[in-house]
C-alpha cells in the first residue's frame, strides 16, 4: 500500500486529509461506482462517466491507486484486461460516499 501523507495540524485537519484523499472532480464518482459494482474494467468505468476524458480518468485512478484506495489488477491476456476494485482501506470510505449520496439526493436536486 502506498504511503499516505500524515496530517499534523490544527482543528479541521482530519477534514482536510479526507478531502485531499477523495478530492478531485471524478474521484468520488469513481468510488461510488466501485462501491456499487465491486469490480470494474477501465472501459466500464469510462461508460459510467461519459463526460470524463480517458486521460483524466487514468489520472484519477492512478492517484487513487497511489493512495492505496483502489487496487489495479492487470491480466496477462490479449487484449490486455485491467480491473479496478476498492482496497480494504478504500472500503472504509463507503460511509463517506454514501453520506454524500444521501446529501445529494436530499439537497442537490432542489
C-alpha atoms as a PDB file:
ATOM      1  CA  UNK A   1       0.000   0.000   0.000  1.00  0.00           C
ATOM      2  CA  UNK A   2       1.199   3.493  -0.768  1.00  0.00           C
ATOM      3  CA  UNK A   3       2.375   5.738   1.996  1.00  0.00           C
ATOM      4  CA  UNK A   4      -0.212   8.340   2.873  1.00  0.00           C
ATOM      5  CA  UNK A   5       0.653  11.829   3.982  1.00  0.00           C
ATOM      6  CA  UNK A   6       0.493  12.405   7.732  1.00  0.00           C
ATOM      7  CA  UNK A   7      -1.502  15.432   8.790  1.00  0.00           C
ATOM      8  CA  UNK A   8      -0.286  17.033  11.997  1.00  0.00           C
ATOM      9  CA  UNK A   9      -2.137  20.306  12.121  1.00  0.00           C
ATOM     10  CA  UNK A  10      -4.811  22.373  13.746  1.00  0.00           C
ATOM     11  CA  UNK A  11      -8.509  21.723  14.172  1.00  0.00           C
ATOM     12  CA  UNK A  12     -10.186  20.743  10.902  1.00  0.00           C
ATOM     13  CA  UNK A  13      -7.157  18.838   9.697  1.00  0.00           C
ATOM     14  CA  UNK A  14      -8.942  15.474   9.541  1.00  0.00           C
ATOM     15  CA  UNK A  15     -11.449  17.022   7.151  1.00  0.00           C
ATOM     16  CA  UNK A  16      -8.586  18.365   5.041  1.00  0.00           C
ATOM     17  CA  UNK A  17      -6.985  14.903   4.991  1.00  0.00           C
ATOM     18  CA  UNK A  18     -10.225  13.277   3.845  1.00  0.00           C
ATOM     19  CA  UNK A  19     -10.855  15.846   1.137  1.00  0.00           C
ATOM     20  CA  UNK A  20      -7.270  15.542  -0.073  1.00  0.00           C
ATOM     21  CA  UNK A  21      -7.764  11.797  -0.485  1.00  0.00           C
ATOM     22  CA  UNK A  22     -11.078  11.911  -2.380  1.00  0.00           C
ATOM     23  CA  UNK A  23     -10.856  15.437  -3.767  1.00  0.00           C
ATOM     24  CA  UNK A  24     -10.979  15.869  -7.488  1.00  0.00           C
ATOM     25  CA  UNK A  25     -13.948  16.106  -9.784  1.00  0.00           C
ATOM     26  CA  UNK A  26     -14.182  12.387 -10.558  1.00  0.00           C
ATOM     27  CA  UNK A  27     -12.761  10.501  -7.563  1.00  0.00           C
ATOM     28  CA  UNK A  28     -15.986  10.475  -5.569  1.00  0.00           C
ATOM     29  CA  UNK A  29     -17.960   9.193  -8.545  1.00  0.00           C
ATOM     30  CA  UNK A  30     -15.321   6.538  -9.275  1.00  0.00           C
ATOM     31  CA  UNK A  31     -15.559   5.404  -5.649  1.00  0.00           C
ATOM     32  CA  UNK A  32     -19.367   5.395  -5.846  1.00  0.00           C
ATOM     33  CA  UNK A  33     -19.325   3.055  -8.844  1.00  0.00           C
ATOM     34  CA  UNK A  34     -16.697   0.760  -7.292  1.00  0.00           C
ATOM     35  CA  UNK A  35     -18.736   0.566  -4.073  1.00  0.00           C
ATOM     36  CA  UNK A  36     -21.837  -0.273  -6.083  1.00  0.00           C
ATOM     37  CA  UNK A  37     -20.292  -2.735  -8.560  1.00  0.00           C
ATOM     38  CA  UNK A  38     -17.196  -4.006  -6.646  1.00  0.00           C
ATOM     39  CA  UNK A  39     -15.009  -4.634  -9.740  1.00  0.00           C
ATOM     40  CA  UNK A  40     -14.946  -2.623 -12.944  1.00  0.00           C
ATOM     41  CA  UNK A  41     -12.795  -2.655 -16.038  1.00  0.00           C
ATOM     42  CA  UNK A  42     -11.466   0.630 -17.367  1.00  0.00           C
ATOM     43  CA  UNK A  43     -13.918   0.631 -20.284  1.00  0.00           C
ATOM     44  CA  UNK A  44     -16.847   0.002 -17.952  1.00  0.00           C
ATOM     45  CA  UNK A  45     -15.829   2.955 -15.792  1.00  0.00           C
ATOM     46  CA  UNK A  46     -15.493   5.057 -18.922  1.00  0.00           C
ATOM     47  CA  UNK A  47     -19.088   4.225 -19.907  1.00  0.00           C
ATOM     48  CA  UNK A  48     -20.361   5.151 -16.449  1.00  0.00           C
ATOM     49  CA  UNK A  49     -18.559   8.517 -16.662  1.00  0.00           C
ATOM     50  CA  UNK A  50     -19.190   9.641 -20.249  1.00  0.00           C
ATOM     51  CA  UNK A  51     -18.075  13.233 -19.622  1.00  0.00           C
ATOM     52  CA  UNK A  52     -14.607  12.333 -18.297  1.00  0.00           C
ATOM     53  CA  UNK A  53     -11.714  12.121 -20.731  1.00  0.00           C
ATOM     54  CA  UNK A  54      -9.634   8.965 -20.892  1.00  0.00           C
ATOM     55  CA  UNK A  55      -6.611  10.953 -19.731  1.00  0.00           C
ATOM     56  CA  UNK A  56      -8.424  12.360 -16.681  1.00  0.00           C
ATOM     57  CA  UNK A  57      -9.922   9.001 -15.717  1.00  0.00           C
ATOM     58  CA  UNK A  58      -6.472   7.429 -15.920  1.00  0.00           C
ATOM     59  CA  UNK A  59      -5.002  10.237 -13.791  1.00  0.00           C
ATOM     60  CA  UNK A  60      -7.698   9.951 -11.108  1.00  0.00           C
ATOM     61  CA  UNK A  61      -7.389   6.142 -10.976  1.00  0.00           C
ATOM     62  CA  UNK A  62      -3.599   6.374 -10.668  1.00  0.00           C
ATOM     63  CA  UNK A  63      -3.920   8.824  -7.774  1.00  0.00           C
ATOM     64  CA  UNK A  64      -6.437   6.574  -6.006  1.00  0.00           C
ATOM     65  CA  UNK A  65      -4.124   3.607  -6.561  1.00  0.00           C
ATOM     66  CA  UNK A  66      -1.098   5.538  -5.293  1.00  0.00           C
ATOM     67  CA  UNK A  67      -3.019   6.481  -2.148  1.00  0.00           C
ATOM     68  CA  UNK A  68      -3.970   2.855  -1.525  1.00  0.00           C
ATOM     69  CA  UNK A  69      -7.699   3.381  -2.119  1.00  0.00           C
ATOM     70  CA  UNK A  70      -8.025   1.375  -5.347  1.00  0.00           C
ATOM     71  CA  UNK A  71      -6.415  -1.873  -6.442  1.00  0.00           C
ATOM     72  CA  UNK A  72      -5.458  -2.213 -10.094  1.00  0.00           C
ATOM     73  CA  UNK A  73      -5.236  -5.792 -11.338  1.00  0.00           C
ATOM     74  CA  UNK A  74      -3.674  -6.455 -14.736  1.00  0.00           C
ATOM     75  CA  UNK A  75      -4.354  -9.729 -16.532  1.00  0.00           C
ATOM     76  CA  UNK A  76      -1.736 -11.010 -18.976  1.00  0.00           C
ATOM     77  CA  UNK A  77      -4.134 -11.611 -21.841  1.00  0.00           C
ATOM     78  CA  UNK A  78      -4.549 -10.472 -25.401  1.00  0.00           C
ATOM     79  CA  UNK A  79      -6.100  -7.974 -25.471  1.00  0.00           C
ATOM     80  CA  UNK A  80      -4.883  -6.812 -22.048  1.00  0.00           C
ATOM     81  CA  UNK A  81      -7.511  -6.599 -19.320  1.00  0.00           C
ATOM     82  CA  UNK A  82      -7.307  -4.292 -16.314  1.00  0.00           C
ATOM     83  CA  UNK A  83      -9.753  -4.379 -13.409  1.00  0.00           C
ATOM     84  CA  UNK A  84     -10.213  -1.888 -10.604  1.00  0.00           C
ATOM     85  CA  UNK A  85     -11.632  -2.547  -7.154  1.00  0.00           C
ATOM     86  CA  UNK A  86     -11.516  -0.940  -3.736  1.00  0.00           C
ATOM     87  CA  UNK A  87      -8.779  -1.920  -1.331  1.00  0.00           C
ATOM     88  CA  UNK A  88      -9.645  -2.680   2.298  1.00  0.00           C
ATOM     89  CA  UNK A  89      -8.623   0.896   3.059  1.00  0.00           C
ATOM     90  CA  UNK A  90     -10.808   2.129   0.187  1.00  0.00           C
ATOM     91  CA  UNK A  91     -13.857   0.344   1.574  1.00  0.00           C
ATOM     92  CA  UNK A  92     -13.542   2.453   4.736  1.00  0.00           C
ATOM     93  CA  UNK A  93     -14.688   5.377   2.555  1.00  0.00           C
ATOM     94  CA  UNK A  94     -18.056   3.710   1.881  1.00  0.00           C
ATOM     95  CA  UNK A  95     -19.918   5.568   4.662  1.00  0.00           C
ATOM     96  CA  UNK A  96     -18.451   8.872   3.451  1.00  0.00           C
ATOM     97  CA  UNK A  97     -19.524   8.291  -0.149  1.00  0.00           C
ATOM     98  CA  UNK A  98     -22.964   7.064   0.956  1.00  0.00           C
ATOM     99  CA  UNK A  99     -23.378  10.173   3.154  1.00  0.00           C
ATOM    100  CA  UNK A 100     -22.524  12.375   0.159  1.00  0.00           C
ATOM    101  CA  UNK A 101     -25.009  10.413  -1.956  1.00  0.00           C
ATOM    102  CA  UNK A 102     -27.746  10.901   0.663  1.00  0.00           C
ATOM    103  CA  UNK A 103     -26.967  14.598   0.992  1.00  0.00           C
ATOM    104  CA  UNK A 104     -27.057  14.994  -2.783  1.00  0.00           C
ATOM    105  CA  UNK A 105     -30.378  13.181  -3.043  1.00  0.00           C
ATOM    106  CA  UNK A 106     -31.856  15.458  -0.389  1.00  0.00           C
ATOM    107  CA  UNK A 107     -30.293  18.805  -1.281  1.00  0.00           C
ATOM    108  CA  UNK A 108     -28.564  18.961  -4.636  1.00  0.00           C
ATOM    109  CA  UNK A 109     -31.613  18.250  -6.780  1.00  0.00           C
ATOM    110  CA  UNK A 110     -33.718  21.143  -5.480  1.00  0.00           C
END
